[in-house]
Amino acid sequence: MATCIVDVFEIAVTEIRADFKEHGQRQLHWVSPDEAARRVREVELKSMLVAFKPHDKKKRR
């Protein structure tokens, strides 16, 4: 299996369009990083999610 290297960025989602590209092919579930870590099998992704600390929402404008 080949190694995959990714960059991950935190983004603030303000809306979800009903006609998004993969509509009907994917299910959306908004969960905390800890819950997401419980749901994935990949060890590296699980570790990244557990270590993730979101920025304070109150500081965003």
PDB file of N, CA and C in Angstrom:
ATOM      1  N   MET A   1       0.849  -1.177   0.000  1.00  0.00           N
ATOM      2  CA  MET A   1       0.000   0.000   0.000  1.00  0.00           C
ATOM      3  C   MET A   1       0.894   1.240   0.000  1.00  0.00           C
ATOM      4  N   ALA A   2       0.553   2.213  -0.813  1.00  0.00           N
ATOM      5  CA  ALA A   2       1.333   3.444  -0.927  1.00  0.00           C
ATOM      6  C   ALA A   2       1.035   4.386   0.226  1.00  0.00           C
ATOM      7  N   THR A   3       2.018   5.167   0.607  1.00  0.00           N
ATOM      8  CA  THR A   3       1.854   6.176   1.641  1.00  0.00           C
ATOM      9  C   THR A   3       1.139   7.390   1.060  1.00  0.00           C
ATOM     10  N   CYS A   4       0.245   7.945   1.829  1.00  0.00           N
ATOM     11  CA  CYS A   4      -0.477   9.146   1.407  1.00  0.00           C
ATOM     12  C   CYS A   4      -0.142  10.263   2.389  1.00  0.00           C
ATOM     13  N   ILE A   5       0.309  11.394   1.884  1.00  0.00           N
ATOM     14  CA  ILE A   5       0.635  12.547   2.722  1.00  0.00           C
ATOM     15  C   ILE A   5      -0.413  13.617   2.481  1.00  0.00           C
ATOM     16  N   VAL A   6      -0.968  14.150   3.562  1.00  0.00           N
ATOM     17  CA  VAL A   6      -2.029  15.154   3.437  1.00  0.00           C
ATOM     18  C   VAL A   6      -1.732  16.359   4.317  1.00  0.00           C
ATOM     19  N   ASP A   7      -2.327  17.478   3.959  1.00  0.00           N
ATOM     20  CA  ASP A   7      -2.354  18.664   4.805  1.00  0.00           C
ATOM     21  C   ASP A   7      -3.799  18.832   5.248  1.00  0.00           C
ATOM     22  N   VAL A   8      -3.993  19.170   6.513  1.00  0.00           N
ATOM     23  CA  VAL A   8      -5.342  19.325   7.054  1.00  0.00           C
ATOM     24  C   VAL A   8      -5.484  20.740   7.588  1.00  0.00           C
ATOM     25  N   PHE A   9      -6.605  21.377   7.261  1.00  0.00           N
ATOM     26  CA  PHE A   9      -6.855  22.743   7.674  1.00  0.00           C
ATOM     27  C   PHE A   9      -8.206  22.845   8.361  1.00  0.00           C
ATOM     28  N   GLU A  10      -8.267  23.629   9.403  1.00  0.00           N
ATOM     29  CA  GLU A  10      -9.538  23.906  10.065  1.00  0.00           C
ATOM     30  C   GLU A  10     -10.274  24.980   9.253  1.00  0.00           C
ATOM     31  N   ILE A  11     -11.549  24.755   9.008  1.00  0.00           N
ATOM     32  CA  ILE A  11     -12.371  25.753   8.326  1.00  0.00           C
ATOM     33  C   ILE A  11     -13.668  25.949   9.086  1.00  0.00           C
ATOM     34  N   ALA A  12     -14.236  27.126   8.970  1.00  0.00           N
ATOM     35  CA  ALA A  12     -15.536  27.409   9.585  1.00  0.00           C
ATOM     36  C   ALA A  12     -16.607  27.232   8.513  1.00  0.00           C
ATOM     37  N   VAL A  13     -17.516  26.308   8.722  1.00  0.00           N
ATOM     38  CA  VAL A  13     -18.603  26.068   7.773  1.00  0.00           C
ATOM     39  C   VAL A  13     -19.789  26.913   8.204  1.00  0.00           C
ATOM     40  N   THR A  14     -20.287  27.726   7.289  1.00  0.00           N
ATOM     41  CA  THR A  14     -21.413  28.598   7.621  1.00  0.00           C
ATOM     42  C   THR A  14     -22.720  28.142   6.990  1.00  0.00           C
ATOM     43  N   GLU A  15     -22.621  27.323   5.944  1.00  0.00           N
ATOM     44  CA  GLU A  15     -23.835  26.775   5.339  1.00  0.00           C
ATOM     45  C   GLU A  15     -23.483  25.544   4.512  1.00  0.00           C
ATOM     46  N   ILE A  16     -24.478  24.690   4.319  1.00  0.00           N
ATOM     47  CA  ILE A  16     -24.340  23.517   3.474  1.00  0.00           C
ATOM     48  C   ILE A  16     -25.424  23.603   2.408  1.00  0.00           C
ATOM     49  N   ARG A  17     -25.038  23.553   1.169  1.00  0.00           N
ATOM     50  CA  ARG A  17     -26.031  23.604   0.091  1.00  0.00           C
ATOM     51  C   ARG A  17     -26.710  22.245  -0.042  1.00  0.00           C
ATOM     52  N   ALA A  18     -27.988  22.255  -0.312  1.00  0.00           N
ATOM     53  CA  ALA A  18     -28.746  21.015  -0.480  1.00  0.00           C
ATOM     54  C   ALA A  18     -28.326  20.261  -1.737  1.00  0.00           C
ATOM     55  N   ASP A  19     -27.741  20.961  -2.701  1.00  0.00           N
ATOM     56  CA  ASP A  19     -27.354  20.330  -3.968  1.00  0.00           C
ATOM     57  C   ASP A  19     -25.835  20.127  -4.073  1.00  0.00           C
ATOM     58  N   PHE A  20     -25.182  19.807  -2.938  1.00  0.00           N
ATOM     59  CA  PHE A  20     -23.736  19.612  -2.980  1.00  0.00           C
ATOM     60  C   PHE A  20     -23.384  18.437  -3.910  1.00  0.00           C
ATOM     61  N   LYS A  21     -22.169  18.460  -4.402  1.00  0.00           N
ATOM     62  CA  LYS A  21     -21.741  17.569  -5.479  1.00  0.00           C
ATOM     63  C   LYS A  21     -22.064  16.087  -5.220  1.00  0.00           C
ATOM     64  N   GLU A  22     -21.792  15.574  -4.037  1.00  0.00           N
ATOM     65  CA  GLU A  22     -21.987  14.153  -3.761  1.00  0.00           C
ATOM     66  C   GLU A  22     -23.360  13.857  -3.133  1.00  0.00           C
ATOM     67  N   HIS A  23     -24.312  14.767  -3.265  1.00  0.00           N
ATOM     68  CA  HIS A  23     -25.645  14.566  -2.701  1.00  0.00           C
ATOM     69  C   HIS A  23     -26.212  13.225  -3.191  1.00  0.00           C
ATOM     70  N   GLY A  24     -26.726  12.437  -2.263  1.00  0.00           N
ATOM     71  CA  GLY A  24     -27.258  11.124  -2.611  1.00  0.00           C
ATOM     72  C   GLY A  24     -26.210  10.027  -2.574  1.00  0.00           C
ATOM     73  N   GLN A  25     -24.934  10.401  -2.532  1.00  0.00           N
ATOM     74  CA  GLN A  25     -23.852   9.419  -2.474  1.00  0.00           C
ATOM     75  C   GLN A  25     -23.208   9.366  -1.095  1.00  0.00           C
ATOM     76  N   ARG A  26     -23.375  10.433  -0.326  1.00  0.00           N
ATOM     77  CA  ARG A  26     -22.755  10.524   1.003  1.00  0.00           C
ATOM     78  C   ARG A  26     -23.789  10.928   2.038  1.00  0.00           C
ATOM     79  N   GLN A  27     -23.535  10.533   3.272  1.00  0.00           N
ATOM     80  CA  GLN A  27     -24.347  10.989   4.394  1.00  0.00           C
ATOM     81  C   GLN A  27     -23.496  11.958   5.209  1.00  0.00           C
ATOM     82  N   LEU A  28     -24.065  13.087   5.599  1.00  0.00           N
ATOM     83  CA  LEU A  28     -23.349  14.064   6.414  1.00  0.00           C
ATOM     84  C   LEU A  28     -23.720  13.883   7.880  1.00  0.00           C
ATOM     85  N   HIS A  29     -22.706  13.840   8.724  1.00  0.00           N
ATOM     86  CA  HIS A  29     -22.899  13.782  10.176  1.00  0.00           C
ATOM     87  C   HIS A  29     -21.882  14.724  10.792  1.00  0.00           C
ATOM     88  N   TRP A  30     -22.341  15.780  11.456  1.00  0.00           N
ATOM     89  CA  TRP A  30     -21.438  16.719  12.111  1.00  0.00           C
ATOM     90  C   TRP A  30     -21.207  16.220  13.530  1.00  0.00           C
ATOM     91  N   VAL A  31     -19.957  15.878  13.828  1.00  0.00           N
ATOM     92  CA  VAL A  31     -19.599  15.335  15.136  1.00  0.00           C
ATOM     93  C   VAL A  31     -18.331  16.020  15.633  1.00  0.00           C
ATOM     94  N   SER A  32     -18.074  15.860  16.908  1.00  0.00           N
ATOM     95  CA  SER A  32     -16.846  16.413  17.496  1.00  0.00           C
ATOM     96  C   SER A  32     -15.638  15.624  16.985  1.00  0.00           C
ATOM     97  N   PRO A  33     -14.442  16.214  17.088  1.00  0.00           N
ATOM     98  CA  PRO A  33     -13.240  15.458  16.690  1.00  0.00           C
ATOM     99  C   PRO A  33     -13.083  14.149  17.469  1.00  0.00           C
ATOM    100  N   ASP A  34     -13.439  14.147  18.748  1.00  0.00           N
ATOM    101  CA  ASP A  34     -13.339  12.911  19.531  1.00  0.00           C
ATOM    102  C   ASP A  34     -14.286  11.838  19.009  1.00  0.00           C
ATOM    103  N   GLU A  35     -15.526  12.231  18.677  1.00  0.00           N
ATOM    104  CA  GLU A  35     -16.482  11.271  18.127  1.00  0.00           C
ATOM    105  C   GLU A  35     -16.012  10.787  16.761  1.00  0.00           C
ATOM    106  N   ALA A  36     -15.474  11.691  15.948  1.00  0.00           N
ATOM    107  CA  ALA A  36     -14.947  11.296  14.638  1.00  0.00           C
ATOM    108  C   ALA A  36     -13.828  10.269  14.807  1.00  0.00           C
ATOM    109  N   ALA A  37     -12.962  10.477  15.798  1.00  0.00           N
ATOM    110  CA  ALA A  37     -11.867   9.535  16.058  1.00  0.00           C
ATOM    111  C   ALA A  37     -12.401   8.156  16.417  1.00  0.00           C
ATOM    112  N   ARG A  38     -13.501   8.114  17.146  1.00  0.00           N
ATOM    113  CA  ARG A  38     -14.104   6.822  17.494  1.00  0.00           C
ATOM    114  C   ARG A  38     -14.673   6.108  16.264  1.00  0.00           C
ATOM    115  N   ARG A  39     -15.040   6.864  15.248  1.00  0.00           N
ATOM    116  CA  ARG A  39     -15.699   6.286  14.068  1.00  0.00           C
ATOM    117  C   ARG A  39     -14.753   5.824  12.963  1.00  0.00           C
ATOM    118  N   VAL A  40     -13.485   6.229  13.004  1.00  0.00           N
ATOM    119  CA  VAL A  40     -12.564   5.860  11.929  1.00  0.00           C
ATOM    120  C   VAL A  40     -11.684   4.684  12.336  1.00  0.00           C
ATOM    121  N   ARG A  41     -11.205   3.967  11.340  1.00  0.00           N
ATOM    122  CA  ARG A  41     -10.353   2.798  11.584  1.00  0.00           C
ATOM    123  C   ARG A  41      -8.875   3.108  11.412  1.00  0.00           C
ATOM    124  N   GLU A  42      -8.538   4.076  10.560  1.00  0.00           N
ATOM    125  CA  GLU A  42      -7.144   4.370  10.262  1.00  0.00           C
ATOM    126  C   GLU A  42      -6.453   4.981  11.483  1.00  0.00           C
ATOM    127  N   VAL A  43      -5.394   4.346  11.937  1.00  0.00           N
ATOM    128  CA  VAL A  43      -4.703   4.753  13.159  1.00  0.00           C
ATOM    129  C   VAL A  43      -4.181   6.183  13.069  1.00  0.00           C
ATOM    130  N   GLU A  44      -3.568   6.543  11.937  1.00  0.00           N
ATOM    131  CA  GLU A  44      -2.994   7.878  11.804  1.00  0.00           C
ATOM    132  C   GLU A  44      -4.078   8.956  11.824  1.00  0.00           C
ATOM    133  N   LEU A  45      -5.189   8.699  11.141  1.00  0.00           N
ATOM    134  CA  LEU A  45      -6.299   9.657  11.133  1.00  0.00           C
ATOM    135  C   LEU A  45      -6.914   9.766  12.522  1.00  0.00           C
ATOM    136  N   LYS A  46      -7.076   8.653  13.187  1.00  0.00           N
ATOM    137  CA  LYS A  46      -7.608   8.645  14.563  1.00  0.00           C
ATOM    138  C   LYS A  46      -6.728   9.498  15.475  1.00  0.00           C
ATOM    139  N   SER A  47      -5.418   9.330  15.377  1.00  0.00           N
ATOM    140  CA  SER A  47      -4.480  10.093  16.207  1.00  0.00           C
ATOM    141  C   SER A  47      -4.569  11.582  15.918  1.00  0.00           C
ATOM    142  N   MET A  48      -4.679  11.931  14.630  1.00  0.00           N
ATOM    143  CA  MET A  48      -4.784  13.332  14.243  1.00  0.00           C
ATOM    144  C   MET A  48      -6.063  13.954  14.820  1.00  0.00           C
ATOM    145  N   LEU A  49      -7.167  13.229  14.760  1.00  0.00           N
ATOM    146  CA  LEU A  49      -8.433  13.746  15.278  1.00  0.00           C
ATOM    147  C   LEU A  49      -8.397  13.922  16.796  1.00  0.00           C
ATOM    148  N   VAL A  50      -7.796  12.985  17.494  1.00  0.00           N
ATOM    149  CA  VAL A  50      -7.693  13.085  18.957  1.00  0.00           C
ATOM    150  C   VAL A  50      -6.848  14.296  19.351  1.00  0.00           C
ATOM    151  N   ALA A  51      -5.792  14.582  18.599  1.00  0.00           N
ATOM    152  CA  ALA A  51      -4.894  15.694  18.912  1.00  0.00           C
ATOM    153  C   ALA A  51      -5.439  17.051  18.469  1.00  0.00           C
ATOM    154  N   PHE A  52      -6.460  17.058  17.613  1.00  0.00           N
ATOM    155  CA  PHE A  52      -6.992  18.301  17.059  1.00  0.00           C
ATOM    156  C   PHE A  52      -7.631  19.162  18.147  1.00  0.00           C
ATOM    157  N   LYS A  53      -7.246  20.423  18.188  1.00  0.00           N
ATOM    158  CA  LYS A  53      -7.822  21.391  19.128  1.00  0.00           C
ATOM    159  C   LYS A  53      -8.357  22.570  18.326  1.00  0.00           C
ATOM    160  N   PRO A  54      -9.685  22.664  18.149  1.00  0.00           N
ATOM    161  CA  PRO A  54     -10.248  23.761  17.351  1.00  0.00           C
ATOM    162  C   PRO A  54      -9.961  25.118  17.979  1.00  0.00           C
ATOM    163  N   HIS A  55      -9.845  26.124  17.121  1.00  0.00           N
ATOM    164  CA  HIS A  55      -9.669  27.499  17.599  1.00  0.00           C
ATOM    165  C   HIS A  55     -10.948  27.964  18.277  1.00  0.00           C
ATOM    166  N   ASP A  56     -10.823  28.921  19.142  1.00  0.00           N
ATOM    167  CA  ASP A  56     -11.971  29.477  19.859  1.00  0.00           C
ATOM    168  C   ASP A  56     -12.918  30.168  18.874  1.00  0.00           C
ATOM    169  N   LYS A  57     -14.156  29.697  18.797  1.00  0.00           N
ATOM    170  CA  LYS A  57     -15.139  30.265  17.875  1.00  0.00           C
ATOM    171  C   LYS A  57     -15.424  31.733  18.161  1.00  0.00           C
ATOM    172  N   LYS A  58     -15.320  32.152  19.412  1.00  0.00           N
ATOM    173  CA  LYS A  58     -15.639  33.533  19.796  1.00  0.00           C
ATOM    174  C   LYS A  58     -14.665  34.532  19.184  1.00  0.00           C
ATOM    175  N   LYS A  59     -13.452  34.099  18.842  1.00  0.00           N
ATOM    176  CA  LYS A  59     -12.448  35.002  18.277  1.00  0.00           C
ATOM    177  C   LYS A  59     -12.638  35.233  16.795  1.00  0.00           C
ATOM    178  N   ARG A  60     -13.441  34.393  16.127  1.00  0.00           N
ATOM    179  CA  ARG A  60     -13.677  34.534  14.685  1.00  0.00           C
ATOM    180  C   ARG A  60     -14.595  35.699  14.399  1.00  0.00           C
ATOM    181  N   ARG A  61     -14.394  36.324  13.261  1.00  0.00           N
ATOM    182  CA  ARG A  61     -15.267  37.434  12.842  1.00  0.00           C
ATOM    183  C   ARG A  61     -15.825  37.149  11.477  1.00  0.00           C
TER     184      ARG A  61
END
